[in-house]
PDB file of N, CA and C in Angstrom:
ATOM      1  N   MET A   1     131.934 139.882 110.444  1.00  0.00           N
ATOM      2  CA  MET A   1     131.822 138.526 110.934  1.00  0.00           C
ATOM      3  C   MET A   1     131.615 138.453 112.440  1.00  0.00           C
ATOM      4  N   LYS A   2     131.811 139.557 113.123  1.00  0.00           N
ATOM      5  CA  LYS A   2     131.606 139.545 114.566  1.00  0.00           C
ATOM      6  C   LYS A   2     130.133 139.358 114.905  1.00  0.00           C
ATOM      7  N   THR A   3     129.244 139.774 113.998  1.00  0.00           N
ATOM      8  CA  THR A   3     127.824 139.625 114.261  1.00  0.00           C
ATOM      9  C   THR A   3     127.444 138.153 114.352  1.00  0.00           C
ATOM     10  N   GLY A   4     127.943 137.336 113.454  1.00  0.00           N
ATOM     11  CA  GLY A   4     127.655 135.908 113.490  1.00  0.00           C
ATOM     12  C   GLY A   4     128.183 135.271 114.758  1.00  0.00           C
ATOM     13  N   SER A   5     129.396 135.636 115.156  1.00  0.00           N
ATOM     14  CA  SER A   5     129.989 135.085 116.370  1.00  0.00           C
ATOM     15  C   SER A   5     129.239 135.580 117.600  1.00  0.00           C
ATOM     16  N   GLY A   6     128.813 136.833 117.588  1.00  0.00           N
ATOM     17  CA  GLY A   6     128.060 137.389 118.703  1.00  0.00           C
ATOM     18  C   GLY A   6     126.709 136.716 118.865  1.00  0.00           C
ATOM     19  N   MET A   7     126.043 136.420 117.749  1.00  0.00           N
ATOM     20  CA  MET A   7     124.753 135.748 117.804  1.00  0.00           C
ATOM     21  C   MET A   7     124.897 134.340 118.362  1.00  0.00           C
ATOM     22  N   HIS A   8     125.982 133.675 118.007  1.00  0.00           N
ATOM     23  CA  HIS A   8     126.226 132.331 118.532  1.00  0.00           C
ATOM     24  C   HIS A   8     126.398 132.388 120.051  1.00  0.00           C
ATOM     25  N   THR A   9     127.122 133.370 120.531  1.00  0.00           N
ATOM     26  CA  THR A   9     127.339 133.526 121.968  1.00  0.00           C
ATOM     27  C   THR A   9     126.028 133.808 122.686  1.00  0.00           C
ATOM     28  N   VAL A  10     125.221 134.687 122.120  1.00  0.00           N
ATOM     29  CA  VAL A  10     123.926 135.019 122.723  1.00  0.00           C
ATOM     30  C   VAL A  10     123.036 133.777 122.760  1.00  0.00           C
ATOM     31  N   ARG A  11     123.018 133.023 121.679  1.00  0.00           N
ATOM     32  CA  ARG A  11     122.196 131.820 121.623  1.00  0.00           C
ATOM     33  C   ARG A  11     122.618 130.808 122.687  1.00  0.00           C
ATOM     34  N   GLU A  12     123.907 130.632 122.873  1.00  0.00           N
ATOM     35  CA  GLU A  12     124.396 129.697 123.892  1.00  0.00           C
ATOM     36  C   GLU A  12     124.035 130.171 125.301  1.00  0.00           C
ATOM     37  N   ARG A  13     124.138 131.470 125.536  1.00  0.00           N
ATOM     38  CA  ARG A  13     123.793 131.998 126.868  1.00  0.00           C
ATOM     39  C   ARG A  13     122.307 131.835 127.168  1.00  0.00           C
ATOM     40  N   VAL A  14     121.460 132.083 126.171  1.00  0.00           N
ATOM     41  CA  VAL A  14     120.019 131.913 126.364  1.00  0.00           C
ATOM     42  C   VAL A  14     119.702 130.444 126.617  1.00  0.00           C
ATOM     43  N   ARG A  15     120.352 129.561 125.877  1.00  0.00           N
ATOM     44  CA  ARG A  15     120.137 128.125 126.076  1.00  0.00           C
ATOM     45  C   ARG A  15     120.498 127.712 127.497  1.00  0.00           C
ATOM     46  N   GLU A  16     121.595 128.233 128.016  1.00  0.00           N
ATOM     47  CA  GLU A  16     122.016 127.901 129.382  1.00  0.00           C
ATOM     48  C   GLU A  16     121.054 128.496 130.412  1.00  0.00           C
ATOM     49  N   LEU A  17     120.645 129.747 130.205  1.00  0.00           N
ATOM     50  CA  LEU A  17     119.753 130.404 131.161  1.00  0.00           C
ATOM     51  C   LEU A  17     118.385 129.730 131.245  1.00  0.00           C
ATOM     52  N   LEU A  18     117.856 129.329 130.120  1.00  0.00           N
ATOM     53  CA  LEU A  18     116.523 128.743 130.095  1.00  0.00           C
ATOM     54  C   LEU A  18     116.541 127.220 130.239  1.00  0.00           C
ATOM     55  N   HIS A  19     117.727 126.652 130.343  1.00  0.00           N
ATOM     56  CA  HIS A  19     117.873 125.198 130.490  1.00  0.00           C
ATOM     57  C   HIS A  19     117.148 124.464 129.358  1.00  0.00           C
ATOM     58  N   LEU A  20     117.359 124.913 128.130  1.00  0.00           N
ATOM     59  CA  LEU A  20     116.648 124.342 126.994  1.00  0.00           C
ATOM     60  C   LEU A  20     117.014 122.887 126.752  1.00  0.00           C
ATOM     61  N   ASP A  21     118.258 122.514 127.003  1.00  0.00           N
ATOM     62  CA  ASP A  21     118.647 121.119 126.801  1.00  0.00           C
ATOM     63  C   ASP A  21     117.889 120.200 127.749  1.00  0.00           C
ATOM     64  N   ALA A  22     117.690 120.623 128.995  1.00  0.00           N
ATOM     65  CA  ALA A  22     116.946 119.812 129.958  1.00  0.00           C
ATOM     66  C   ALA A  22     115.478 119.716 129.561  1.00  0.00           C
ATOM     67  N   LEU A  23     114.914 120.806 129.026  1.00  0.00           N
ATOM     68  CA  LEU A  23     113.516 120.787 128.603  1.00  0.00           C
ATOM     69  C   LEU A  23     113.299 119.847 127.422  1.00  0.00           C
ATOM     70  N   LYS A  24     114.270 119.773 126.503  1.00  0.00           N
ATOM     71  CA  LYS A  24     114.145 118.866 125.366  1.00  0.00           C
ATOM     72  C   LYS A  24     114.048 117.427 125.843  1.00  0.00           C
ATOM     73  N   GLY A  25     114.919 117.036 126.760  1.00  0.00           N
ATOM     74  CA  GLY A  25     114.894 115.679 127.286  1.00  0.00           C
ATOM     75  C   GLY A  25     113.614 115.384 128.032  1.00  0.00           C
ATOM     76  N   HIS A  26     113.116 116.351 128.782  1.00  0.00           N
ATOM     77  CA  HIS A  26     111.873 116.172 129.535  1.00  0.00           C
ATOM     78  C   HIS A  26     110.685 116.020 128.596  1.00  0.00           C
ATOM     79  N   ALA A  27     110.653 116.792 127.529  1.00  0.00           N
ATOM     80  CA  ALA A  27     109.542 116.728 126.578  1.00  0.00           C
ATOM     81  C   ALA A  27     109.511 115.369 125.885  1.00  0.00           C
ATOM     82  N   ARG A  28     110.656 114.794 125.614  1.00  0.00           N
ATOM     83  CA  ARG A  28     110.691 113.486 124.961  1.00  0.00           C
ATOM     84  C   ARG A  28     110.170 112.388 125.876  1.00  0.00           C
ATOM     85  N   THR A  29     110.498 112.467 127.145  1.00  0.00           N
ATOM     86  CA  THR A  29     110.076 111.404 128.063  1.00  0.00           C
ATOM     87  C   THR A  29     108.624 111.560 128.484  1.00  0.00           C
ATOM     88  N   GLU A  30     108.092 112.778 128.447  1.00  0.00           N
ATOM     89  CA  GLU A  30     106.724 113.023 128.892  1.00  0.00           C
ATOM     90  C   GLU A  30     105.738 113.127 127.734  1.00  0.00           C
ATOM     91  N   ALA A  31     106.101 112.613 126.564  1.00  0.00           N
ATOM     92  CA  ALA A  31     105.204 112.707 125.416  1.00  0.00           C
ATOM     93  C   ALA A  31     103.942 111.890 125.687  1.00  0.00           C
ATOM     94  N   ALA A  32     102.838 112.377 125.177  1.00  0.00           N
ATOM     95  CA  ALA A  32     101.556 111.692 125.389  1.00  0.00           C
ATOM     96  C   ALA A  32     101.560 110.365 124.641  1.00  0.00           C
ATOM     97  N   PRO A  33     101.127 109.309 125.290  1.00  0.00           N
ATOM     98  CA  PRO A  33     101.079 108.012 124.605  1.00  0.00           C
ATOM     99  C   PRO A  33     100.001 108.017 123.529  1.00  0.00           C
ATOM    100  N   ALA A  34     100.236 107.237 122.494  1.00  0.00           N
ATOM    101  CA  ALA A  34      99.261 107.138 121.413  1.00  0.00           C
ATOM    102  C   ALA A  34      98.033 106.383 121.913  1.00  0.00           C
ATOM    103  N   VAL A  35      96.886 106.818 121.455  1.00  0.00           N
ATOM    104  CA  VAL A  35      95.642 106.163 121.835  1.00  0.00           C
ATOM    105  C   VAL A  35      95.494 104.921 120.952  1.00  0.00           C
ATOM    106  N   PRO A  36      95.486 103.724 121.534  1.00  0.00           N
ATOM    107  CA  PRO A  36      95.488 102.514 120.715  1.00  0.00           C
ATOM    108  C   PRO A  36      94.194 102.262 119.954  1.00  0.00           C
ATOM    109  N   ASP A  37      93.057 102.714 120.459  1.00  0.00           N
ATOM    110  CA  ASP A  37      91.802 102.426 119.784  1.00  0.00           C
ATOM    111  C   ASP A  37      91.308 103.570 118.892  1.00  0.00           C
ATOM    112  N   ALA A  38      92.152 104.563 118.652  1.00  0.00           N
ATOM    113  CA  ALA A  38      91.777 105.665 117.771  1.00  0.00           C
ATOM    114  C   ALA A  38      91.927 105.218 116.313  1.00  0.00           C
ATOM    115  N   PRO A  39      90.948 105.506 115.471  1.00  0.00           N
ATOM    116  CA  PRO A  39      91.048 105.087 114.065  1.00  0.00           C
ATOM    117  C   PRO A  39      92.087 105.910 113.303  1.00  0.00           C
ATOM    118  N   GLN A  40      92.630 105.318 112.269  1.00  0.00           N
ATOM    119  CA  GLN A  40      93.566 106.025 111.394  1.00  0.00           C
ATOM    120  C   GLN A  40      92.782 106.981 110.502  1.00  0.00           C
ATOM    121  N   TRP A  41      93.473 108.024 110.044  1.00  0.00           N
ATOM    122  CA  TRP A  41      92.869 108.954 109.100  1.00  0.00           C
ATOM    123  C   TRP A  41      93.298 108.565 107.701  1.00  0.00           C
ATOM    124  N   VAL A  42      92.365 108.600 106.765  1.00  0.00           N
ATOM    125  CA  VAL A  42      92.634 108.299 105.369  1.00  0.00           C
ATOM    126  C   VAL A  42      92.126 109.473 104.533  1.00  0.00           C
ATOM    127  N   ILE A  43      92.975 109.995 103.675  1.00  0.00           N
ATOM    128  CA  ILE A  43      92.585 111.114 102.812  1.00  0.00           C
ATOM    129  C   ILE A  43      91.847 110.565 101.604  1.00  0.00           C
ATOM    130  N   VAL A  44      90.633 111.046 101.407  1.00  0.00           N
ATOM    131  CA  VAL A  44      89.796 110.634 100.279  1.00  0.00           C
ATOM    132  C   VAL A  44      89.603 111.865  99.395  1.00  0.00           C
ATOM    133  N   TYR A  45      89.824 111.688  98.103  1.00  0.00           N
ATOM    134  CA  TYR A  45      89.656 112.821  97.194  1.00  0.00           C
ATOM    135  C   TYR A  45      88.753 112.435  96.032  1.00  0.00           C
ATOM    136  N   ARG A  46      88.145 113.449  95.466  1.00  0.00           N
ATOM    137  CA  ARG A  46      87.195 113.254  94.368  1.00  0.00           C
ATOM    138  C   ARG A  46      87.955 113.141  93.052  1.00  0.00           C
ATOM    139  N   THR A  47      87.533 112.190  92.236  1.00  0.00           N
ATOM    140  CA  THR A  47      88.092 112.025  90.896  1.00  0.00           C
ATOM    141  C   THR A  47      86.986 112.278  89.880  1.00  0.00           C
ATOM    142  N   ALA A  48      87.314 112.123  88.607  1.00  0.00           N
ATOM    143  CA  ALA A  48      86.319 112.351  87.556  1.00  0.00           C
ATOM    144  C   ALA A  48      85.220 111.295  87.586  1.00  0.00           C
ATOM    145  N   THR A  49      85.536 110.096  88.077  1.00  0.00           N
ATOM    146  CA  THR A  49      84.546 109.009  88.058  1.00  0.00           C
ATOM    147  C   THR A  49      84.045 108.610  89.436  1.00  0.00           C
ATOM    148  N   GLY A  50      84.455 109.302  90.479  1.00  0.00           N
ATOM    149  CA  GLY A  50      84.002 108.943  91.825  1.00  0.00           C
ATOM    150  C   GLY A  50      84.943 109.461  92.890  1.00  0.00           C
ATOM    151  N   PHE A  51      85.445 108.555  93.731  1.00  0.00           N
ATOM    152  CA  PHE A  51      86.341 108.916  94.831  1.00  0.00           C
ATOM    153  C   PHE A  51      87.512 107.944  94.858  1.00  0.00           C
ATOM    154  N   CYS A  52      88.597 108.357  95.475  1.00  0.00           N
ATOM    155  CA  CYS A  52      89.778 107.515  95.566  1.00  0.00           C
ATOM    156  C   CYS A  52      90.519 107.825  96.857  1.00  0.00           C
ATOM    157  N   CYS A  53      91.239 106.824  97.375  1.00  0.00           N
ATOM    158  CA  CYS A  53      92.113 107.030  98.517  1.00  0.00           C
ATOM    159  C   CYS A  53      93.280 106.053  98.419  1.00  0.00           C
ATOM    160  N   VAL A  54      94.327 106.315  99.180  1.00  0.00           N
ATOM    161  CA  VAL A  54      95.461 105.410  99.256  1.00  0.00           C
ATOM    162  C   VAL A  54      95.509 104.882 100.673  1.00  0.00           C
ATOM    163  N   TYR A  55      95.405 103.563 100.788  1.00  0.00           N
ATOM    164  CA  TYR A  55      95.403 102.921 102.095  1.00  0.00           C
ATOM    165  C   TYR A  55      96.429 101.800 102.072  1.00  0.00           C
ATOM    166  N   ARG A  56      97.426 101.918 102.937  1.00  0.00           N
ATOM    167  CA  ARG A  56      98.508 100.929 103.020  1.00  0.00           C
ATOM    168  C   ARG A  56      99.173 100.718 101.669  1.00  0.00           C
ATOM    169  N   ASP A  57      99.553 101.823 101.033  1.00  0.00           N
ATOM    170  CA  ASP A  57     100.260 101.847  99.741  1.00  0.00           C
ATOM    171  C   ASP A  57      99.464 101.240  98.593  1.00  0.00           C
ATOM    172  N   GLU A  58      98.162 101.229  98.683  1.00  0.00           N
ATOM    173  CA  GLU A  58      97.319 100.692  97.620  1.00  0.00           C
ATOM    174  C   GLU A  58      96.202 101.682  97.334  1.00  0.00           C
ATOM    175  N   ALA A  59      96.040 102.031  96.051  1.00  0.00           N
ATOM    176  CA  ALA A  59      94.973 102.949  95.657  1.00  0.00           C
ATOM    177  C   ALA A  59      93.648 102.203  95.624  1.00  0.00           C
ATOM    178  N   ILE A  60      92.638 102.801  96.218  1.00  0.00           N
ATOM    179  CA  ILE A  60      91.317 102.194  96.276  1.00  0.00           C
ATOM    180  C   ILE A  60      90.322 103.173  95.669  1.00  0.00           C
ATOM    181  N   GLY A  61      89.579 102.715  94.680  1.00  0.00           N
ATOM    182  CA  GLY A  61      88.608 103.562  94.005  1.00  0.00           C
ATOM    183  C   GLY A  61      87.186 103.248  94.450  1.00  0.00           C
ATOM    184  N   PHE A  62      86.360 104.279  94.493  1.00  0.00           N
ATOM    185  CA  PHE A  62      84.958 104.147  94.889  1.00  0.00           C
ATOM    186  C   PHE A  62      84.098 104.889  93.878  1.00  0.00           C
ATOM    187  N   HIS A  63      82.899 104.360  93.636  1.00  0.00           N
ATOM    188  CA  HIS A  63      81.996 105.019  92.688  1.00  0.00           C
ATOM    189  C   HIS A  63      81.164 106.101  93.358  1.00  0.00           C
ATOM    190  N   GLU A  64      80.744 105.867  94.583  1.00  0.00           N
ATOM    191  CA  GLU A  64      79.864 106.812  95.264  1.00  0.00           C
ATOM    192  C   GLU A  64      80.353 107.075  96.681  1.00  0.00           C
ATOM    193  N   LEU A  65      79.858 108.131  97.265  1.00  0.00           N
ATOM    194  CA  LEU A  65      80.219 108.514  98.626  1.00  0.00           C
ATOM    195  C   LEU A  65      79.795 107.452  99.642  1.00  0.00           C
ATOM    196  N   VAL A  66      78.682 106.813  99.399  1.00  0.00           N
ATOM    197  CA  VAL A  66      78.199 105.769 100.302  1.00  0.00           C
ATOM    198  C   VAL A  66      79.207 104.612 100.357  1.00  0.00           C
ATOM    199  N   ASP A  67      79.822 104.299  99.221  1.00  0.00           N
ATOM    200  CA  ASP A  67      80.831 103.240  99.187  1.00  0.00           C
ATOM    201  C   ASP A  67      82.015 103.586 100.086  1.00  0.00           C
ATOM    202  N   VAL A  68      82.417 104.837 100.067  1.00  0.00           N
ATOM    203  CA  VAL A  68      83.525 105.291 100.913  1.00  0.00           C
ATOM    204  C   VAL A  68      83.155 105.138 102.383  1.00  0.00           C
ATOM    205  N   GLN A  69      81.967 105.549 102.733  1.00  0.00           N
ATOM    206  CA  GLN A  69      81.543 105.482 104.128  1.00  0.00           C
ATOM    207  C   GLN A  69      81.453 104.044 104.628  1.00  0.00           C
ATOM    208  N   LEU A  70      80.916 103.146 103.814  1.00  0.00           N
ATOM    209  CA  LEU A  70      80.835 101.738 104.208  1.00  0.00           C
ATOM    210  C   LEU A  70      82.220 101.126 104.368  1.00  0.00           C
ATOM    211  N   TRP A  71      83.111 101.419 103.426  1.00  0.00           N
ATOM    212  CA  TRP A  71      84.477 100.901 103.494  1.00  0.00           C
ATOM    213  C   TRP A  71      85.193 101.423 104.738  1.00  0.00           C
ATOM    214  N   ALA A  72      85.003 102.707 105.049  1.00  0.00           N
ATOM    215  CA  ALA A  72      85.658 103.305 106.219  1.00  0.00           C
ATOM    216  C   ALA A  72      85.198 102.633 107.504  1.00  0.00           C
ATOM    217  N   GLU A  73      83.927 102.283 107.585  1.00  0.00           N
ATOM    218  CA  GLU A  73      83.427 101.587 108.772  1.00  0.00           C
ATOM    219  C   GLU A  73      84.007 100.180 108.871  1.00  0.00           C
ATOM    220  N   GLU A  74      84.107  99.492 107.745  1.00  0.00           N
ATOM    221  CA  GLU A  74      84.665  98.133 107.737  1.00  0.00           C
ATOM    222  C   GLU A  74      86.133  98.125 108.155  1.00  0.00           C
ATOM    223  N   MET A  75      86.890  99.087 107.645  1.00  0.00           N
ATOM    224  CA  MET A  75      88.328  99.122 107.889  1.00  0.00           C
ATOM    225  C   MET A  75      88.681  99.867 109.177  1.00  0.00           C
ATOM    226  N   ASP A  76      87.708 100.458 109.834  1.00  0.00           N
ATOM    227  CA  ASP A  76      87.898 101.244 111.047  1.00  0.00           C
ATOM    228  C   ASP A  76      88.889 102.384 110.822  1.00  0.00           C
ATOM    229  N   VAL A  77      88.619 103.164 109.780  1.00  0.00           N
ATOM    230  CA  VAL A  77      89.408 104.348 109.469  1.00  0.00           C
ATOM    231  C   VAL A  77      88.490 105.556 109.436  1.00  0.00           C
ATOM    232  N   GLN A  78      89.066 106.724 109.634  1.00  0.00           N
ATOM    233  CA  GLN A  78      88.318 107.977 109.611  1.00  0.00           C
ATOM    234  C   GLN A  78      88.643 108.694 108.299  1.00  0.00           C
ATOM    235  N   PRO A  79      87.684 108.808 107.380  1.00  0.00           N
ATOM    236  CA  PRO A  79      87.980 109.492 106.103  1.00  0.00           C
ATOM    237  C   PRO A  79      88.045 111.010 106.273  1.00  0.00           C
ATOM    238  N   TYR A  80      88.990 111.600 105.571  1.00  0.00           N
ATOM    239  CA  TYR A  80      89.133 113.054 105.519  1.00  0.00           C
ATOM    240  C   TYR A  80      89.006 113.445 104.054  1.00  0.00           C
ATOM    241  N   PHE A  81      87.932 114.123 103.713  1.00  0.00           N
ATOM    242  CA  PHE A  81      87.633 114.439 102.320  1.00  0.00           C
ATOM    243  C   PHE A  81      88.297 115.751 101.919  1.00  0.00           C
ATOM    244  N   ILE A  82      88.977 115.728 100.771  1.00  0.00           N
ATOM    245  CA  ILE A  82      89.563 116.937 100.215  1.00  0.00           C
ATOM    246  C   ILE A  82      89.073 117.113  98.787  1.00  0.00           C
ATOM    247  N   GLY A  83      89.074 118.338  98.323  1.00  0.00           N
ATOM    248  CA  GLY A  83      88.740 118.619  96.937  1.00  0.00           C
ATOM    249  C   GLY A  83      87.269 118.605  96.611  1.00  0.00           C
ATOM    250  N   GLN A  84      86.411 118.900  97.570  1.00  0.00           N
ATOM    251  CA  GLN A  84      84.975 118.921  97.278  1.00  0.00           C
ATOM    252  C   GLN A  84      84.469 120.331  97.301  1.00  0.00           C
TER     253      GLN A  84
END
């Protein structure tokens, strides 16, 4: 059991030496602000009859890829296609 206690001591000493607690606080305050005009990403996947995505907790089905692209432009979202 001394190994567990020794590791705890080493971890605390490294934290003090590197000032990790101060770095955590600094990283939180200096986080990059979100870009307000960046579009949201929406995952679009292929189904047996076309394409589908979930947007704002609602499933939306599309028959063709062109439908997805038009909808994405209207809603100002960036589609991310999976499963193709």
